[in-house]
PDB file of N, CA and C in Angstrom:
ATOM      1  N   UNK A   1      10.257  19.015   5.387  1.00  0.00           N
ATOM      2  CA  UNK A   1       8.966  18.373   5.489  1.00  0.00           C
ATOM      3  C   UNK A   1       8.880  17.715   6.870  1.00  0.00           C
ATOM      4  N   UNK A   2       7.779  17.917   7.545  1.00  0.00           N
ATOM      5  CA  UNK A   2       7.616  17.341   8.874  1.00  0.00           C
ATOM      6  C   UNK A   2       7.478  15.820   8.780  1.00  0.00           C
ATOM      7  N   UNK A   3       7.674  15.153   9.902  1.00  0.00           N
ATOM      8  CA  UNK A   3       7.566  13.690   9.931  1.00  0.00           C
ATOM      9  C   UNK A   3       6.158  13.240   9.550  1.00  0.00           C
ATOM     10  N   UNK A   4       5.160  13.978  10.018  1.00  0.00           N
ATOM     11  CA  UNK A   4       3.774  13.649   9.697  1.00  0.00           C
ATOM     12  C   UNK A   4       3.508  13.809   8.206  1.00  0.00           C
ATOM     13  N   UNK A   5       3.987  14.899   7.622  1.00  0.00           N
ATOM     14  CA  UNK A   5       3.788  15.133   6.190  1.00  0.00           C
ATOM     15  C   UNK A   5       4.521  14.083   5.362  1.00  0.00           C
ATOM     16  N   UNK A   6       5.717  13.703   5.799  1.00  0.00           N
ATOM     17  CA  UNK A   6       6.480  12.681   5.082  1.00  0.00           C
ATOM     18  C   UNK A   6       5.757  11.334   5.134  1.00  0.00           C
ATOM     19  N   UNK A   7       5.191  10.994   6.281  1.00  0.00           N
ATOM     20  CA  UNK A   7       4.446   9.741   6.419  1.00  0.00           C
ATOM     21  C   UNK A   7       3.195   9.768   5.546  1.00  0.00           C
ATOM     22  N   UNK A   8       2.515  10.901   5.506  1.00  0.00           N
ATOM     23  CA  UNK A   8       1.324  11.040   4.672  1.00  0.00           C
ATOM     24  C   UNK A   8       1.690  10.889   3.202  1.00  0.00           C
ATOM     25  N   UNK A   9       2.738  11.553   2.777  1.00  0.00           N
ATOM     26  CA  UNK A   9       3.177  11.473   1.394  1.00  0.00           C
ATOM     27  C   UNK A   9       3.520  10.025   1.027  1.00  0.00           C
ATOM     28  N   UNK A  10       4.260   9.332   1.897  1.00  0.00           N
ATOM     29  CA  UNK A  10       4.639   7.945   1.634  1.00  0.00           C
ATOM     30  C   UNK A  10       3.404   7.062   1.483  1.00  0.00           C
ATOM     31  N   UNK A  11       2.421   7.261   2.340  1.00  0.00           N
ATOM     32  CA  UNK A  11       1.218   6.428   2.261  1.00  0.00           C
ATOM     33  C   UNK A  11       0.434   6.715   0.979  1.00  0.00           C
ATOM     34  N   UNK A  12       0.413   7.962   0.553  1.00  0.00           N
ATOM     35  CA  UNK A  12      -0.288   8.320  -0.688  1.00  0.00           C
ATOM     36  C   UNK A  12       0.416   7.683  -1.891  1.00  0.00           C
ATOM     37  N   UNK A  13       1.721   7.801  -1.942  1.00  0.00           N
ATOM     38  CA  UNK A  13       2.485   7.224  -3.058  1.00  0.00           C
ATOM     39  C   UNK A  13       2.289   5.718  -3.106  1.00  0.00           C
ATOM     40  N   UNK A  14       2.353   5.065  -1.931  1.00  0.00           N
ATOM     41  CA  UNK A  14       2.231   3.609  -1.880  1.00  0.00           C
ATOM     42  C   UNK A  14       0.804   3.147  -2.165  1.00  0.00           C
ATOM     43  N   UNK A  15      -0.138   4.040  -2.225  1.00  0.00           N
ATOM     44  CA  UNK A  15      -1.508   3.704  -2.619  1.00  0.00           C
ATOM     45  C   UNK A  15      -1.698   3.944  -4.112  1.00  0.00           C
ATOM     46  N   UNK A  16      -1.185   5.050  -4.617  1.00  0.00           N
ATOM     47  CA  UNK A  16      -1.376   5.434  -6.016  1.00  0.00           C
ATOM     48  C   UNK A  16      -0.602   4.527  -6.971  1.00  0.00           C
ATOM     49  N   UNK A  17       0.628   4.177  -6.640  1.00  0.00           N
ATOM     50  CA  UNK A  17       1.450   3.364  -7.550  1.00  0.00           C
ATOM     51  C   UNK A  17       0.779   2.030  -7.882  1.00  0.00           C
ATOM     52  N   UNK A  18       0.270   1.263  -6.901  1.00  0.00           N
ATOM     53  CA  UNK A  18      -0.416   0.019  -7.276  1.00  0.00           C
ATOM     54  C   UNK A  18      -1.665   0.245  -8.129  1.00  0.00           C
ATOM     55  N   UNK A  19      -2.367   1.349  -7.907  1.00  0.00           N
ATOM     56  CA  UNK A  19      -3.536   1.647  -8.735  1.00  0.00           C
ATOM     57  C   UNK A  19      -3.135   1.871 -10.190  1.00  0.00           C
ATOM     58  N   UNK A  20      -2.060   2.591 -10.394  1.00  0.00           N
ATOM     59  CA  UNK A  20      -1.575   2.848 -11.750  1.00  0.00           C
ATOM     60  C   UNK A  20      -1.111   1.544 -12.391  1.00  0.00           C
ATOM     61  N   UNK A  21      -0.342   0.748 -11.649  1.00  0.00           N
ATOM     62  CA  UNK A  21       0.143  -0.530 -12.188  1.00  0.00           C
ATOM     63  C   UNK A  21      -1.035  -1.441 -12.531  1.00  0.00           C
ATOM     64  N   UNK A  22      -2.024  -1.529 -11.634  1.00  0.00           N
ATOM     65  CA  UNK A  22      -3.200  -2.356 -11.893  1.00  0.00           C
ATOM     66  C   UNK A  22      -3.955  -1.907 -13.130  1.00  0.00           C
ATOM     67  N   UNK A  23      -4.092  -0.600 -13.302  1.00  0.00           N
ATOM     68  CA  UNK A  23      -4.775  -0.065 -14.484  1.00  0.00           C
ATOM     69  C   UNK A  23      -4.035  -0.376 -15.765  1.00  0.00           C
ATOM     70  N   UNK A  24      -2.734  -0.202 -15.742  1.00  0.00           N
ATOM     71  CA  UNK A  24      -1.925  -0.484 -16.936  1.00  0.00           C
ATOM     72  C   UNK A  24      -1.965  -1.973 -17.263  1.00  0.00           C
ATOM     73  N   UNK A  25      -1.843  -2.819 -16.248  1.00  0.00           N
ATOM     74  CA  UNK A  25      -1.899  -4.269 -16.493  1.00  0.00           C
ATOM     75  C   UNK A  25      -3.251  -4.696 -17.034  1.00  0.00           C
ATOM     76  N   UNK A  26      -4.328  -4.120 -16.500  1.00  0.00           N
ATOM     77  CA  UNK A  26      -5.656  -4.505 -16.984  1.00  0.00           C
ATOM     78  C   UNK A  26      -5.868  -4.072 -18.425  1.00  0.00           C
ATOM     79  N   UNK A  27      -5.361  -2.898 -18.787  1.00  0.00           N
ATOM     80  CA  UNK A  27      -5.466  -2.466 -20.182  1.00  0.00           C
ATOM     81  C   UNK A  27      -4.646  -3.366 -21.095  1.00  0.00           C
ATOM     82  N   UNK A  28      -3.484  -3.781 -20.618  1.00  0.00           N
ATOM     83  CA  UNK A  28      -2.643  -4.669 -21.418  1.00  0.00           C
ATOM     84  C   UNK A  28      -3.329  -6.011 -21.647  1.00  0.00           C
ATOM     85  N   UNK A  29      -4.032  -6.503 -20.634  1.00  0.00           N
ATOM     86  CA  UNK A  29      -4.743  -7.774 -20.768  1.00  0.00           C
ATOM     87  C   UNK A  29      -5.937  -7.624 -21.704  1.00  0.00           C
ATOM     88  N   UNK A  30      -6.644  -6.502 -21.608  1.00  0.00           N
ATOM     89  CA  UNK A  30      -7.876  -6.304 -22.370  1.00  0.00           C
ATOM     90  C   UNK A  30      -7.651  -5.917 -23.836  1.00  0.00           C
ATOM     91  N   UNK A  31      -6.441  -5.505 -24.184  1.00  0.00           N
ATOM     92  CA  UNK A  31      -6.157  -5.097 -25.572  1.00  0.00           C
ATOM     93  C   UNK A  31      -6.323  -6.295 -26.504  1.00  0.00           C
ATOM     94  N   UNK A  32      -6.938  -6.041 -27.626  1.00  0.00           N
ATOM     95  CA  UNK A  32      -7.150  -7.055 -28.666  1.00  0.00           C
ATOM     96  C   UNK A  32      -8.036  -8.217 -28.227  1.00  0.00           C
ATOM     97  N   UNK A  33      -8.858  -7.990 -27.217  1.00  0.00           N
ATOM     98  CA  UNK A  33      -9.831  -9.000 -26.822  1.00  0.00           C
ATOM     99  C   UNK A  33     -11.185  -8.494 -27.303  1.00  0.00           C
ATOM    100  N   UNK A  34     -11.730  -9.097 -28.372  1.00  0.00           N
ATOM    101  CA  UNK A  34     -13.003  -8.609 -28.903  1.00  0.00           C
ATOM    102  C   UNK A  34     -14.157  -8.957 -27.952  1.00  0.00           C
ATOM    103  N   UNK A  35     -14.736  -7.934 -27.349  1.00  0.00           N
ATOM    104  CA  UNK A  35     -15.830  -8.111 -26.404  1.00  0.00           C
ATOM    105  C   UNK A  35     -16.920  -7.092 -26.672  1.00  0.00           C
ATOM    106  N   UNK A  36     -18.087  -7.366 -26.155  1.00  0.00           N
ATOM    107  CA  UNK A  36     -19.171  -6.398 -26.168  1.00  0.00           C
ATOM    108  C   UNK A  36     -18.680  -5.152 -25.422  1.00  0.00           C
ATOM    109  N   UNK A  37     -18.934  -3.938 -25.936  1.00  0.00           N
ATOM    110  CA  UNK A  37     -18.429  -2.723 -25.302  1.00  0.00           C
ATOM    111  C   UNK A  37     -18.823  -2.577 -23.821  1.00  0.00           C
ATOM    112  N   UNK A  38     -20.038  -2.940 -23.481  1.00  0.00           N
ATOM    113  CA  UNK A  38     -20.459  -2.835 -22.075  1.00  0.00           C
ATOM    114  C   UNK A  38     -19.686  -3.816 -21.193  1.00  0.00           C
ATOM    115  N   UNK A  39     -19.514  -5.030 -21.680  1.00  0.00           N
ATOM    116  CA  UNK A  39     -18.788  -6.039 -20.913  1.00  0.00           C
ATOM    117  C   UNK A  39     -17.315  -5.669 -20.807  1.00  0.00           C
ATOM    118  N   UNK A  40     -16.780  -5.043 -21.851  1.00  0.00           N
ATOM    119  CA  UNK A  40     -15.375  -4.647 -21.835  1.00  0.00           C
ATOM    120  C   UNK A  40     -15.096  -3.650 -20.715  1.00  0.00           C
ATOM    121  N   UNK A  41     -16.024  -2.708 -20.496  1.00  0.00           N
ATOM    122  CA  UNK A  41     -15.863  -1.736 -19.404  1.00  0.00           C
ATOM    123  C   UNK A  41     -15.855  -2.445 -18.058  1.00  0.00           C
ATOM    124  N   UNK A  42     -16.773  -3.373 -17.886  1.00  0.00           N
ATOM    125  CA  UNK A  42     -16.861  -4.122 -16.640  1.00  0.00           C
ATOM    126  C   UNK A  42     -15.608  -4.967 -16.437  1.00  0.00           C
ATOM    127  N   UNK A  43     -15.179  -5.650 -17.494  1.00  0.00           N
ATOM    128  CA  UNK A  43     -13.981  -6.479 -17.403  1.00  0.00           C
ATOM    129  C   UNK A  43     -12.766  -5.639 -17.042  1.00  0.00           C
ATOM    130  N   UNK A  44     -12.623  -4.478 -17.661  1.00  0.00           N
ATOM    131  CA  UNK A  44     -11.494  -3.605 -17.362  1.00  0.00           C
ATOM    132  C   UNK A  44     -11.519  -3.156 -15.909  1.00  0.00           C
ATOM    133  N   UNK A  45     -12.671  -2.789 -15.405  1.00  0.00           N
ATOM    134  CA  UNK A  45     -12.788  -2.369 -14.004  1.00  0.00           C
ATOM    135  C   UNK A  45     -12.455  -3.517 -13.056  1.00  0.00           C
ATOM    136  N   UNK A  46     -12.985  -4.698 -13.346  1.00  0.00           N
ATOM    137  CA  UNK A  46     -12.713  -5.858 -12.486  1.00  0.00           C
ATOM    138  C   UNK A  46     -11.241  -6.257 -12.539  1.00  0.00           C
ATOM    139  N   UNK A  47     -10.672  -6.256 -13.731  1.00  0.00           N
ATOM    140  CA  UNK A  47      -9.251  -6.585 -13.862  1.00  0.00           C
ATOM    141  C   UNK A  47      -8.378  -5.572 -13.141  1.00  0.00           C
ATOM    142  N   UNK A  48      -8.741  -4.303 -13.239  1.00  0.00           N
ATOM    143  CA  UNK A  48      -7.973  -3.267 -12.552  1.00  0.00           C
ATOM    144  C   UNK A  48      -7.976  -3.512 -11.053  1.00  0.00           C
ATOM    145  N   UNK A  49      -9.144  -3.762 -10.489  1.00  0.00           N
ATOM    146  CA  UNK A  49      -9.239  -4.005  -9.051  1.00  0.00           C
ATOM    147  C   UNK A  49      -8.471  -5.262  -8.651  1.00  0.00           C
ATOM    148  N   UNK A  50      -8.658  -6.336  -9.398  1.00  0.00           N
ATOM    149  CA  UNK A  50      -8.003  -7.600  -9.057  1.00  0.00           C
ATOM    150  C   UNK A  50      -6.483  -7.506  -9.199  1.00  0.00           C
ATOM    151  N   UNK A  51      -6.017  -6.935 -10.297  1.00  0.00           N
ATOM    152  CA  UNK A  51      -4.578  -6.835 -10.514  1.00  0.00           C
ATOM    153  C   UNK A  51      -3.920  -5.849  -9.557  1.00  0.00           C
ATOM    154  N   UNK A  52      -4.621  -4.791  -9.191  1.00  0.00           N
ATOM    155  CA  UNK A  52      -4.098  -3.844  -8.208  1.00  0.00           C
ATOM    156  C   UNK A  52      -3.920  -4.531  -6.863  1.00  0.00           C
ATOM    157  N   UNK A  53      -4.945  -5.243  -6.431  1.00  0.00           N
ATOM    158  CA  UNK A  53      -4.874  -5.947  -5.145  1.00  0.00           C
ATOM    159  C   UNK A  53      -3.768  -7.003  -5.168  1.00  0.00           C
ATOM    160  N   UNK A  54      -3.700  -7.774  -6.241  1.00  0.00           N
ATOM    161  CA  UNK A  54      -2.676  -8.808  -6.362  1.00  0.00           C
ATOM    162  C   UNK A  54      -1.277  -8.199  -6.335  1.00  0.00           C
ATOM    163  N   UNK A  55      -1.073  -7.142  -7.090  1.00  0.00           N
ATOM    164  CA  UNK A  55       0.228  -6.476  -7.126  1.00  0.00           C
ATOM    165  C   UNK A  55       0.624  -5.980  -5.739  1.00  0.00           C
ATOM    166  N   UNK A  56      -0.304  -5.317  -5.058  1.00  0.00           N
ATOM    167  CA  UNK A  56      -0.008  -4.774  -3.731  1.00  0.00           C
ATOM    168  C   UNK A  56       0.344  -5.895  -2.750  1.00  0.00           C
ATOM    169  N   UNK A  57      -0.465  -6.949  -2.723  1.00  0.00           N
ATOM    170  CA  UNK A  57      -0.226  -8.059  -1.797  1.00  0.00           C
ATOM    171  C   UNK A  57       1.128  -8.723  -2.080  1.00  0.00           C
ATOM    172  N   UNK A  58       1.426  -8.974  -3.343  1.00  0.00           N
ATOM    173  CA  UNK A  58       2.705  -9.599  -3.676  1.00  0.00           C
ATOM    174  C   UNK A  58       3.893  -8.732  -3.274  1.00  0.00           C
ATOM    175  N   UNK A  59       3.821  -7.452  -3.568  1.00  0.00           N
ATOM    176  CA  UNK A  59       4.940  -6.570  -3.209  1.00  0.00           C
ATOM    177  C   UNK A  59       5.094  -6.494  -1.693  1.00  0.00           C
ATOM    178  N   UNK A  60       3.979  -6.395  -0.952  1.00  0.00           N
ATOM    179  CA  UNK A  60       4.072  -6.353   0.513  1.00  0.00           C
ATOM    180  C   UNK A  60       4.664  -7.646   1.065  1.00  0.00           C
ATOM    181  N   UNK A  61       4.290  -8.796   0.489  1.00  0.00           N
ATOM    182  CA  UNK A  61       4.870 -10.067   0.923  1.00  0.00           C
ATOM    183  C   UNK A  61       6.371 -10.113   0.625  1.00  0.00           C
ATOM    184  N   UNK A  62       6.754  -9.700  -0.572  1.00  0.00           N
ATOM    185  CA  UNK A  62       8.175  -9.658  -0.923  1.00  0.00           C
ATOM    186  C   UNK A  62       8.930  -8.723   0.002  1.00  0.00           C
ATOM    187  N   UNK A  63       8.343  -7.573   0.248  1.00  0.00           N
ATOM    188  CA  UNK A  63       8.965  -6.562   1.102  1.00  0.00           C
ATOM    189  C   UNK A  63       9.132  -7.093   2.531  1.00  0.00           C
ATOM    190  N   UNK A  64       8.146  -7.832   3.003  1.00  0.00           N
ATOM    191  CA  UNK A  64       8.172  -8.334   4.379  1.00  0.00           C
ATOM    192  C   UNK A  64       9.092  -9.538   4.527  1.00  0.00           C
ATOM    193  N   UNK A  65       9.021 -10.478   3.590  1.00  0.00           N
ATOM    194  CA  UNK A  65       9.735 -11.734   3.757  1.00  0.00           C
ATOM    195  C   UNK A  65      11.033 -11.867   2.970  1.00  0.00           C
ATOM    196  N   UNK A  66      11.217 -11.049   1.942  1.00  0.00           N
ATOM    197  CA  UNK A  66      12.441 -11.162   1.150  1.00  0.00           C
ATOM    198  C   UNK A  66      13.403 -10.022   1.465  1.00  0.00           C
ATOM    199  N   UNK A  67      12.963  -8.788   1.211  1.00  0.00           N
ATOM    200  CA  UNK A  67      13.826  -7.640   1.479  1.00  0.00           C
ATOM    201  C   UNK A  67      13.000  -6.368   1.586  1.00  0.00           C
ATOM    202  N   UNK A  68      13.207  -5.583   2.645  1.00  0.00           N
ATOM    203  CA  UNK A  68      12.494  -4.315   2.774  1.00  0.00           C
ATOM    204  C   UNK A  68      12.763  -3.359   1.611  1.00  0.00           C
ATOM    205  N   UNK A  69      13.887  -3.542   0.939  1.00  0.00           N
ATOM    206  CA  UNK A  69      14.231  -2.670  -0.190  1.00  0.00           C
ATOM    207  C   UNK A  69      13.240  -2.813  -1.350  1.00  0.00           C
ATOM    208  N   UNK A  70      12.500  -3.924  -1.399  1.00  0.00           N
ATOM    209  CA  UNK A  70      11.547  -4.127  -2.486  1.00  0.00           C
ATOM    210  C   UNK A  70      10.321  -3.223  -2.363  1.00  0.00           C
ATOM    211  N   UNK A  71      10.231  -2.467  -1.286  1.00  0.00           N
ATOM    212  CA  UNK A  71       9.145  -1.508  -1.124  1.00  0.00           C
ATOM    213  C   UNK A  71       9.130  -0.464  -2.221  1.00  0.00           C
ATOM    214  N   UNK A  72      10.252  -0.247  -2.878  1.00  0.00           N
ATOM    215  CA  UNK A  72      10.292   0.739  -3.964  1.00  0.00           C
ATOM    216  C   UNK A  72       9.332   0.359  -5.076  1.00  0.00           C
ATOM    217  N   UNK A  73       8.943  -0.926  -5.174  1.00  0.00           N
ATOM    218  CA  UNK A  73       7.967  -1.337  -6.189  1.00  0.00           C
ATOM    219  C   UNK A  73       6.592  -0.727  -5.932  1.00  0.00           C
ATOM    220  N   UNK A  74       6.394  -0.199  -4.736  1.00  0.00           N
ATOM    221  CA  UNK A  74       5.163   0.526  -4.418  1.00  0.00           C
ATOM    222  C   UNK A  74       5.382   2.031  -4.518  1.00  0.00           C
ATOM    223  N   UNK A  75       6.553   2.431  -4.984  1.00  0.00           N
ATOM    224  CA  UNK A  75       6.827   3.843  -5.192  1.00  0.00           C
ATOM    225  C   UNK A  75       7.604   4.489  -4.065  1.00  0.00           C
ATOM    226  N   UNK A  76       7.754   3.778  -2.954  1.00  0.00           N
ATOM    227  CA  UNK A  76       8.448   4.336  -1.802  1.00  0.00           C
ATOM    228  C   UNK A  76       8.973   3.175  -0.987  1.00  0.00           C
ATOM    229  N   UNK A  77      10.264   3.115  -0.767  1.00  0.00           N
ATOM    230  CA  UNK A  77      10.866   1.948  -0.115  1.00  0.00           C
ATOM    231  C   UNK A  77      10.813   2.022   1.404  1.00  0.00           C
ATOM    232  N   UNK A  78       9.675   2.357   1.940  1.00  0.00           N
ATOM    233  CA  UNK A  78       9.513   2.417   3.392  1.00  0.00           C
ATOM    234  C   UNK A  78       8.154   1.823   3.708  1.00  0.00           C
ATOM    235  N   UNK A  79       8.154   0.731   4.461  1.00  0.00           N
ATOM    236  CA  UNK A  79       6.891   0.054   4.734  1.00  0.00           C
ATOM    237  C   UNK A  79       6.021   0.851   5.698  1.00  0.00           C
ATOM    238  N   UNK A  80       4.712   0.652   5.652  1.00  0.00           N
ATOM    239  CA  UNK A  80       3.804   1.401   6.510  1.00  0.00           C
ATOM    240  C   UNK A  80       4.108   1.245   8.002  1.00  0.00           C
ATOM    241  N   UNK A  81       4.631   0.094   8.411  1.00  0.00           N
ATOM    242  CA  UNK A  81       4.920  -0.108   9.829  1.00  0.00           C
ATOM    243  C   UNK A  81       6.018   0.832  10.309  1.00  0.00           C
ATOM    244  N   UNK A  82       6.802   1.377   9.406  1.00  0.00           N
ATOM    245  CA  UNK A  82       7.878   2.266   9.840  1.00  0.00           C
ATOM    246  C   UNK A  82       7.536   3.746   9.652  1.00  0.00           C
ATOM    247  N   UNK A  83       6.332   4.051   9.196  1.00  0.00           N
ATOM    248  CA  UNK A  83       5.956   5.454   9.019  1.00  0.00           C
ATOM    249  C   UNK A  83       5.977   6.201  10.341  1.00  0.00           C
ATOM    250  N   UNK A  84       5.484   5.564  11.366  1.00  0.00           N
ATOM    251  CA  UNK A  84       5.308   6.233  12.652  1.00  0.00           C
ATOM    252  C   UNK A  84       5.960   5.435  13.774  1.00  0.00           C
ATOM    253  N   UNK A  85       7.225   5.138  13.633  1.00  0.00           N
ATOM    254  CA  UNK A  85       7.930   4.304  14.599  1.00  0.00           C
ATOM    255  C   UNK A  85       7.846   4.825  16.036  1.00  0.00           C
ATOM    256  N   UNK A  86       7.913   6.117  16.197  1.00  0.00           N
ATOM    257  CA  UNK A  86       8.004   6.687  17.538  1.00  0.00           C
ATOM    258  C   UNK A  86       6.673   7.206  18.060  1.00  0.00           C
ATOM    259  N   UNK A  87       5.574   6.763  17.490  1.00  0.00           N
ATOM    260  CA  UNK A  87       4.293   7.239  17.962  1.00  0.00           C
ATOM    261  C   UNK A  87       3.501   6.114  18.582  1.00  0.00           C
ATOM    262  N   UNK A  88       2.499   6.446  19.354  1.00  0.00           N
ATOM    263  CA  UNK A  88       1.661   5.444  20.011  1.00  0.00           C
ATOM    264  C   UNK A  88       0.402   5.212  19.230  1.00  0.00           C
ATOM    265  N   UNK A  89       0.253   5.862  18.083  1.00  0.00           N
ATOM    266  CA  UNK A  89      -0.945   5.721  17.285  1.00  0.00           C
ATOM    267  C   UNK A  89      -1.979   6.785  17.594  1.00  0.00           C
ATOM    268  N   UNK A  90      -1.708   7.616  18.582  1.00  0.00           N
ATOM    269  CA  UNK A  90      -2.641   8.682  18.946  1.00  0.00           C
ATOM    270  C   UNK A  90      -2.186   9.980  18.292  1.00  0.00           C
ATOM    271  N   UNK A  91      -3.126  10.711  17.764  1.00  0.00           N
ATOM    272  CA  UNK A  91      -2.806  12.003  17.165  1.00  0.00           C
ATOM    273  C   UNK A  91      -2.910  13.080  18.235  1.00  0.00           C
ATOM    274  N   UNK A  92      -1.838  13.814  18.380  1.00  0.00           N
ATOM    275  CA  UNK A  92      -1.789  14.855  19.389  1.00  0.00           C
ATOM    276  C   UNK A  92      -1.653  16.192  18.676  1.00  0.00           C
ATOM    277  N   UNK A  93      -2.401  17.161  19.104  1.00  0.00           N
ATOM    278  CA  UNK A  93      -2.305  18.491  18.511  1.00  0.00           C
ATOM    279  C   UNK A  93      -0.930  19.063  18.804  1.00  0.00           C
ATOM    280  N   UNK A  94      -0.317  19.645  17.782  1.00  0.00           N
ATOM    281  CA  UNK A  94       1.026  20.211  17.965  1.00  0.00           C
ATOM    282  C   UNK A  94       0.953  21.664  18.304  1.00  0.00           C
TER     283      UNK A  94
END
């Protein structure tokens, strides 16, 4: 796998894992909470977004300030700053 493909894969995994965790956490919170069906959908969507963002921010803080190894909580133990260590940020045709 090329370096570019590996970086792309890592970024995709580190995006999808928090979404899944946020969704599962929001469903766990919403279970057995008797609500109007329309409000329940809205609550689930809002909880998913909030819990996903919270999970991602906490893991990134832990990864940055405690140990880089904690990046595995996002599905891939490599932080975004290290995806492209040897590049200038410009995409060059190969």
